[in-house]
């Protein structure tokens, strides 16, 4: 497991269900992933894209990562192409193991598994990270695309005190991302 993956696992948490949702800020900025795909960032949010061979990372965050060195509220997407070919483990086996590690690290986390279509599996894990101040809620989608040998990790995080106000953005961004994956239009 890479240092980034270890740090990511250490930062995960569970998000409770939300009964009511406040109005969502207007959408404005397309967060370009590739020429064929985009997510729509809330107005005033920041977009950052990093590319390395076989790996694309996209961040859509309320805070400016360049100025702050990180963010409290936002979406991170990490897509790893040629996963089994380069890591020696099938994307689904890796996603399942990663979800197990998350559940061990964060007792009380919730896990849901689903198959979107043959060869495309999604594991959703919700966690609460009480080691952060403020406590942070996270929802992660571990997406194994065995058809393209790709593993995607998409996660939305926000501090617990502002979760109800910020979750509608996370819900929409994750829904847009998973639709892109289902359509075969990913980084």
Protein backbone atom coordinates (compact mmCIF):
# COMPACT_ATOMS: atom_id res chain seq x y z
CA UNK A 1 0.00 0.00 0.00
CA UNK A 2 1.40 3.40 -0.95
CA UNK A 3 2.01 6.12 1.61
CA UNK A 4 -0.92 8.08 0.12
CA UNK A 5 -3.25 5.09 0.57
CA UNK A 6 -2.16 4.65 4.18
CA UNK A 7 -2.73 8.34 4.92
CA UNK A 8 -6.08 8.18 3.17
CA UNK A 9 -7.15 5.18 5.21
CA UNK A 10 -6.18 6.96 8.41
CA UNK A 11 -8.37 9.92 7.51
CA UNK A 12 -11.67 8.11 6.93
CA UNK A 13 -14.95 8.34 8.92
CA UNK A 14 -18.76 7.57 8.92
CA UNK A 15 -21.55 9.91 7.86
CA UNK A 16 -25.02 9.61 9.41
CA UNK A 17 -28.18 9.78 7.35
CA UNK A 18 -29.55 13.27 6.85
CA UNK A 19 -33.28 13.78 7.32
CA UNK A 20 -33.50 17.22 5.77
CA UNK A 21 -31.18 18.98 3.39
CA UNK A 22 -30.62 22.73 3.20
CA UNK A 23 -30.62 24.50 -0.17
CA UNK A 24 -27.58 23.74 -2.30
CA UNK A 25 -25.39 26.60 -3.50
CA UNK A 26 -25.60 27.26 -7.24
CA UNK A 27 -23.40 25.22 -9.54
CA UNK A 28 -20.81 27.05 -11.55
CA UNK A 29 -17.41 25.51 -12.18
CA UNK A 30 -16.96 22.37 -14.27
CA UNK A 31 -14.19 20.24 -12.75
CA UNK A 32 -12.61 18.77 -15.86
CA UNK A 33 -11.34 15.25 -15.38
CA UNK A 34 -10.65 14.46 -19.05
CA UNK A 35 -11.80 16.06 -22.27
CA UNK A 36 -14.84 13.77 -22.22
CA UNK A 37 -15.81 14.07 -18.57
CA UNK A 38 -16.49 16.73 -15.98
CA UNK A 39 -18.01 17.18 -12.55
CA UNK A 40 -19.80 20.38 -11.65
CA UNK A 41 -18.26 22.11 -8.64
CA UNK A 42 -20.32 24.40 -6.42
CA UNK A 43 -19.81 28.12 -7.07
CA UNK A 44 -16.62 29.38 -5.45
CA UNK A 45 -15.12 25.93 -4.90
CA UNK A 46 -11.65 24.97 -6.12
CA UNK A 47 -10.59 22.29 -8.57
CA UNK A 48 -7.22 20.62 -8.74
CA UNK A 49 -6.04 17.80 -10.99
CA UNK A 50 -2.84 15.78 -10.64
CA UNK A 51 -1.64 13.26 -13.20
CA UNK A 52 1.07 10.62 -12.89
CA UNK A 53 1.60 7.59 -15.11
CA UNK A 54 -1.37 5.27 -14.51
CA UNK A 55 -2.93 7.57 -11.89
CA UNK A 56 -5.22 10.59 -12.01
CA UNK A 57 -6.31 12.53 -8.91
CA UNK A 58 -9.04 15.17 -8.95
CA UNK A 59 -9.95 17.36 -5.98
CA UNK A 60 -13.07 19.53 -5.78
CA UNK A 61 -12.87 21.43 -2.52
CA UNK A 62 -14.43 24.31 -0.64
CA UNK A 63 -10.97 25.40 0.54
CA UNK A 64 -8.07 26.19 -1.81
CA UNK A 65 -5.62 23.30 -1.58
CA UNK A 66 -2.81 25.38 -3.10
CA UNK A 67 -3.13 28.01 -0.37
CA UNK A 68 -4.02 25.77 2.58
CA UNK A 69 -2.09 22.59 1.77
CA UNK A 70 -5.30 20.57 2.07
CA UNK A 71 -9.03 20.88 2.57
CA UNK A 72 -11.68 20.26 5.21
CA UNK A 73 -14.68 19.93 2.88
CA UNK A 74 -14.52 18.39 -0.54
CA UNK A 75 -14.28 15.46 -2.88
CA UNK A 76 -11.16 13.58 -3.82
CA UNK A 77 -11.05 11.06 -6.65
CA UNK A 78 -8.10 8.79 -7.28
CA UNK A 79 -8.21 6.59 -10.38
CA UNK A 80 -5.62 3.90 -10.99
CA UNK A 81 -5.49 2.36 -14.47
CA UNK A 82 -3.95 -1.05 -15.24
CA UNK A 83 -4.44 -1.90 -11.60
CA UNK A 84 -3.90 -5.65 -11.57
CA UNK A 85 -1.23 -5.38 -14.24
CA UNK A 86 0.81 -2.97 -12.11
CA UNK A 87 -0.14 -4.03 -8.57
CA UNK A 88 -0.69 -7.76 -8.92
CA UNK A 89 -4.13 -7.63 -7.29
CA UNK A 90 -7.55 -7.50 -8.92
CA UNK A 91 -9.39 -4.18 -8.42
CA UNK A 92 -12.28 -5.89 -6.60
CA UNK A 93 -10.02 -7.84 -4.24
CA UNK A 94 -8.19 -4.60 -3.41
CA UNK A 95 -11.46 -2.70 -2.85
CA UNK A 96 -12.73 -5.45 -0.53
CA UNK A 97 -9.49 -5.48 1.47
CA UNK A 98 -9.42 -1.69 1.72
CA UNK A 99 -13.02 -1.68 2.98
CA UNK A 100 -12.10 -4.28 5.62
CA UNK A 101 -9.19 -2.13 6.81
CA UNK A 102 -11.49 0.90 7.03
CA UNK A 103 -14.02 -1.03 9.12
CA UNK A 104 -11.29 -2.34 11.43
CA UNK A 105 -9.84 1.14 11.91
CA UNK A 106 -13.22 2.81 12.45
CA UNK A 107 -15.61 0.61 14.46
CA UNK A 108 -19.17 1.65 13.80
CA UNK A 109 -18.49 2.40 10.16
CA UNK A 110 -21.14 1.28 7.69
CA UNK A 111 -20.45 -0.72 4.53
CA UNK A 112 -22.68 -1.35 1.53
CA UNK A 113 -21.67 -3.46 -1.48
CA UNK A 114 -23.38 -3.36 -4.87
CA UNK A 115 -22.77 -4.45 -8.44
CA UNK A 116 -23.67 -1.71 -10.94
CA UNK A 117 -23.23 -4.07 -13.88
CA UNK A 118 -21.13 -7.17 -14.52
CA UNK A 119 -17.51 -6.33 -13.71
CA UNK A 120 -18.32 -2.98 -12.08
CA UNK A 121 -18.59 -3.19 -8.30
CA UNK A 122 -18.94 -0.40 -5.74
CA UNK A 123 -18.25 -0.62 -2.02
CA UNK A 124 -19.52 2.35 -0.03
CA UNK A 125 -18.03 2.98 3.41
CA UNK A 126 -19.21 5.72 5.81
CA UNK A 127 -17.01 6.63 8.75
CA UNK A 128 -16.50 9.14 11.53
CA UNK A 129 -12.92 10.22 12.19
CA UNK A 130 -12.82 11.34 15.82
CA UNK A 131 -9.04 11.79 15.71
CA UNK A 132 -9.49 15.04 13.80
CA UNK A 133 -10.59 18.33 15.24
CA UNK A 134 -13.30 18.96 14.41
CA UNK A 135 -14.55 15.38 14.01
CA UNK A 136 -14.84 14.63 10.31
CA UNK A 137 -17.46 12.63 8.45
CA UNK A 138 -16.42 10.73 5.34
CA UNK A 139 -18.17 8.72 2.69
CA UNK A 140 -15.96 6.69 0.40
CA UNK A 141 -16.79 4.82 -2.78
CA UNK A 142 -14.31 2.07 -3.65
CA UNK A 143 -15.03 1.28 -7.28
CA UNK A 144 -13.60 -1.84 -8.92
CA UNK A 145 -13.90 -1.89 -12.69
CA UNK A 146 -12.64 -5.33 -13.63
CA UNK A 147 -13.60 -4.77 -17.26
CA UNK A 148 -11.01 -1.98 -17.64
CA UNK A 149 -8.63 -3.12 -14.84
CA UNK A 150 -9.20 0.17 -13.01
CA UNK A 151 -9.63 1.01 -9.33
CA UNK A 152 -11.28 4.30 -8.32
CA UNK A 153 -11.38 5.74 -4.82
CA UNK A 154 -13.80 8.63 -4.44
CA UNK A 155 -14.37 10.23 -1.08
CA UNK A 156 -16.26 13.19 0.29
CA UNK A 157 -15.32 14.62 3.65
CA UNK A 158 -16.56 17.47 5.79
CA UNK A 159 -16.38 18.44 9.47
CA UNK A 160 -19.27 17.05 11.52
CA UNK A 161 -20.58 20.47 12.70
CA UNK A 162 -21.28 21.60 9.11
CA UNK A 163 -22.22 18.22 7.64
CA UNK A 164 -25.92 19.01 7.11
CA UNK A 165 -25.08 22.19 5.20
CA UNK A 166 -22.33 20.63 3.07
CA UNK A 167 -23.56 17.08 2.45
CA UNK A 168 -25.84 18.01 -0.49
CA UNK A 169 -22.68 18.98 -2.41
CA UNK A 170 -21.02 15.67 -1.57
CA UNK A 171 -24.10 13.68 -2.46
CA UNK A 172 -24.36 15.37 -5.86
CA UNK A 173 -20.63 15.17 -6.65
CA UNK A 174 -20.47 11.47 -5.75
CA UNK A 175 -23.61 10.78 -7.80
CA UNK A 176 -22.07 12.59 -10.80
CA UNK A 177 -18.86 10.62 -10.39
CA UNK A 178 -20.55 7.23 -10.13
CA UNK A 179 -22.67 8.03 -13.21
CA UNK A 180 -19.48 8.85 -15.13
CA UNK A 181 -18.03 5.49 -14.07
CA UNK A 182 -21.21 3.65 -15.09
CA UNK A 183 -21.06 5.38 -18.48
CA UNK A 184 -17.40 4.41 -18.92
CA UNK A 185 -16.31 8.07 -18.88
CA UNK A 186 -13.70 8.24 -16.14
CA UNK A 187 -10.16 9.61 -15.85
